[in-house]
């Protein structure tokens, strides 16, 4: 509504009241994380040091290692996600596992002064850094369960979840939740793991996933999961052991 801040607009979309904490809304309180831990990769996200280097060094370097020399850069990912979500002025978009807010800020600029970009993460340290980075007035941050985003049904025009689905204990439940909060015709874009079909590589990638606590999805698996939930116009892009999958909810 006119005159409301982004945080106040976010509050109207939530299923339950949230406490304001250091520039973001918090629905987890004293809980260190939502859901069971899945491994070392997830635990790193809650440390104090990683958020300070995440956006500039950690995420680009890790992404390059996983995507290979010809995969998109992080800046390319931001542009591609914005394009695949088909964001327009006035849209509301949810950035799940937003980290320090690189994508959220870009989405906030894309939806214009009448839109809303929601950055959701479970780590206090990540959200503190995201808030400190500033950004458009259309951005609001929320500490909540990424597998069960606490938004009312059919409230957002787009959902982005980059580099996180493979760290969730219940990825299929997360996909159900993403479909629930999307409006009919809303779009989703995901970047996650993609295990290759060649058996030696497949075994090595599976072992690496187990050691780091990350699920290794098969190529085509995420697209099939989206189709089962009523998504159409699905596209898939593969680079190294990653996949970017997008679709539109019927």
Foldseek 3Di string as FASTA:
>chain_A
DPPDFLQRVVQVFFPDGFDDDLQATEPQPPDQFPDDFQFDVVVVLQDQPCLVCVPPHVVQVVVCVQQDPPGDGVVRVLVVQCVLQVAAAQFEEEEFQCFLPPSQQSSQVRNPPNYAREYEHQHPNRPNNNVVVPHDRRYHYYHDHLLAPRGAFQAGQEYEYEAPLQRDPCSLSSLVNRNRNHHAFGKYKYKFFEADDDVVSNVVVCVVCNNGSGHHDHVPPVVVSVVVQQWPPWDWDGGRGMIMIMTTHD
